[in-house]
Amino acid sequence: MSGWTVIWAGVAVGGASFGSWGLVRKGENQVLIRTSVILTMICCYLMWSIIYLAQLHPLIKPKRGDLRPE
């Protein structure tokens, strides 16, 4: 796995956001629905990408606790 996964997922979310822009029905709440859907997708993507990258490249190396001190 690499950081490219995050970029490809971002492209997919961008495409889905752009697609949802045109698929929302016209009405008095059209702008609210568009904004809510796109904002939800962006927030979910950011949460996923931050967690994914934090696990991919941890800042602190884990230490084994089952080793005997010698």
C-alpha atoms as a PDB file:
ATOM      1  CA  MET A   1       0.000   0.000   0.000  1.00  0.00           C
ATOM      2  CA  SER A   2       1.185   3.498  -0.656  1.00  0.00           C
ATOM      3  CA  GLY A   3       0.142   7.106  -0.510  1.00  0.00           C
ATOM      4  CA  TRP A   4      -1.261   6.821  -4.031  1.00  0.00           C
ATOM      5  CA  THR A   5      -4.320   5.110  -2.571  1.00  0.00           C
ATOM      6  CA  VAL A   6      -5.232   8.385  -0.874  1.00  0.00           C
ATOM      7  CA  ILE A   7      -4.903  10.282  -4.144  1.00  0.00           C
ATOM      8  CA  TRP A   8      -7.037   7.785  -6.089  1.00  0.00           C
ATOM      9  CA  ALA A   9      -9.681   7.833  -3.357  1.00  0.00           C
ATOM     10  CA  GLY A  10      -9.629  11.651  -3.501  1.00  0.00           C
ATOM     11  CA  VAL A  11     -10.221  11.555  -7.244  1.00  0.00           C
ATOM     12  CA  ALA A  12     -13.129   9.142  -6.690  1.00  0.00           C
ATOM     13  CA  VAL A  13     -14.654  11.376  -4.007  1.00  0.00           C
ATOM     14  CA  GLY A  14     -14.212  14.398  -6.253  1.00  0.00           C
ATOM     15  CA  GLY A  15     -16.001  12.588  -9.075  1.00  0.00           C
ATOM     16  CA  ALA A  16     -18.795  11.487  -6.766  1.00  0.00           C
ATOM     17  CA  SER A  17     -19.163  15.053  -5.467  1.00  0.00           C
ATOM     18  CA  PHE A  18     -19.303  16.409  -8.993  1.00  0.00           C
ATOM     19  CA  GLY A  19     -21.839  13.732  -9.935  1.00  0.00           C
ATOM     20  CA  SER A  20     -24.026  14.468  -6.945  1.00  0.00           C
ATOM     21  CA  TRP A  21     -24.054  18.132  -7.947  1.00  0.00           C
ATOM     22  CA  GLY A  22     -25.950  17.270 -11.117  1.00  0.00           C
ATOM     23  CA  LEU A  23     -28.127  14.480  -9.717  1.00  0.00           C
ATOM     24  CA  VAL A  24     -29.865  16.462  -6.981  1.00  0.00           C
ATOM     25  CA  ARG A  25     -33.475  17.264  -7.878  1.00  0.00           C
ATOM     26  CA  LYS A  26     -34.497  20.848  -8.334  1.00  0.00           C
ATOM     27  CA  GLY A  27     -36.517  22.357  -5.563  1.00  0.00           C
ATOM     28  CA  GLU A  28     -36.411  24.896  -2.813  1.00  0.00           C
ATOM     29  CA  ASN A  29     -33.822  22.906  -0.804  1.00  0.00           C
ATOM     30  CA  GLN A  30     -31.515  22.111  -3.722  1.00  0.00           C
ATOM     31  CA  VAL A  31     -28.583  24.181  -2.492  1.00  0.00           C
ATOM     32  CA  LEU A  32     -28.876  22.804   1.043  1.00  0.00           C
ATOM     33  CA  ILE A  33     -28.934  19.194  -0.170  1.00  0.00           C
ATOM     34  CA  ARG A  34     -25.996  19.744  -2.539  1.00  0.00           C
ATOM     35  CA  THR A  35     -23.950  21.394   0.173  1.00  0.00           C
ATOM     36  CA  SER A  36     -24.772  18.702   2.719  1.00  0.00           C
ATOM     37  CA  VAL A  37     -23.917  15.818   0.400  1.00  0.00           C
ATOM     38  CA  ILE A  38     -20.638  17.310  -0.805  1.00  0.00           C
ATOM     39  CA  LEU A  39     -19.574  18.391   2.681  1.00  0.00           C
ATOM     40  CA  THR A  40     -20.361  14.921   4.049  1.00  0.00           C
ATOM     41  CA  MET A  41     -18.268  13.248   1.346  1.00  0.00           C
ATOM     42  CA  ILE A  42     -15.338  15.583   1.929  1.00  0.00           C
ATOM     43  CA  CYS A  43     -15.422  15.129   5.713  1.00  0.00           C
ATOM     44  CA  CYS A  44     -15.602  11.336   5.430  1.00  0.00           C
ATOM     45  CA  TYR A  45     -12.719  11.355   2.931  1.00  0.00           C
ATOM     46  CA  LEU A  46     -10.560  13.556   5.165  1.00  0.00           C
ATOM     47  CA  MET A  47     -11.226  11.374   8.206  1.00  0.00           C
ATOM     48  CA  TRP A  48     -10.404   8.210   6.269  1.00  0.00           C
ATOM     49  CA  SER A  49      -7.253   9.638   4.677  1.00  0.00           C
ATOM     50  CA  ILE A  50      -5.851  10.984   7.957  1.00  0.00           C
ATOM     51  CA  ILE A  51      -6.396   7.644   9.717  1.00  0.00           C
ATOM     52  CA  TYR A  52      -5.020   5.684   6.736  1.00  0.00           C
ATOM     53  CA  LEU A  53      -1.867   7.783   6.490  1.00  0.00           C
ATOM     54  CA  ALA A  54      -1.338   7.718  10.266  1.00  0.00           C
ATOM     55  CA  GLN A  55      -1.331   3.915  10.158  1.00  0.00           C
ATOM     56  CA  LEU A  56       0.795   3.806   7.013  1.00  0.00           C
ATOM     57  CA  HIS A  57       3.563   6.004   8.447  1.00  0.00           C
ATOM     58  CA  PRO A  58       3.352   6.073  12.261  1.00  0.00           C
ATOM     59  CA  LEU A  59       5.239   8.845  14.052  1.00  0.00           C
ATOM     60  CA  ILE A  60       6.302   6.616  16.960  1.00  0.00           C
ATOM     61  CA  LYS A  61       7.713   3.134  16.443  1.00  0.00           C
ATOM     62  CA  PRO A  62       5.898   0.539  18.529  1.00  0.00           C
ATOM     63  CA  LYS A  63       8.060  -1.259  21.111  1.00  0.00           C
ATOM     64  CA  ARG A  64       7.645  -4.918  21.950  1.00  0.00           C
ATOM     65  CA  GLY A  65       6.729  -5.486  25.582  1.00  0.00           C
ATOM     66  CA  ASP A  66       7.201  -9.248  25.690  1.00  0.00           C
ATOM     67  CA  LEU A  67      11.014  -9.211  25.525  1.00  0.00           C
ATOM     68  CA  ARG A  68      13.124  -9.977  28.609  1.00  0.00           C
ATOM     69  CA  PRO A  69      15.594  -7.273  29.576  1.00  0.00           C
ATOM     70  CA  GLU A  70      19.158  -8.533  29.097  1.00  0.00           C
END
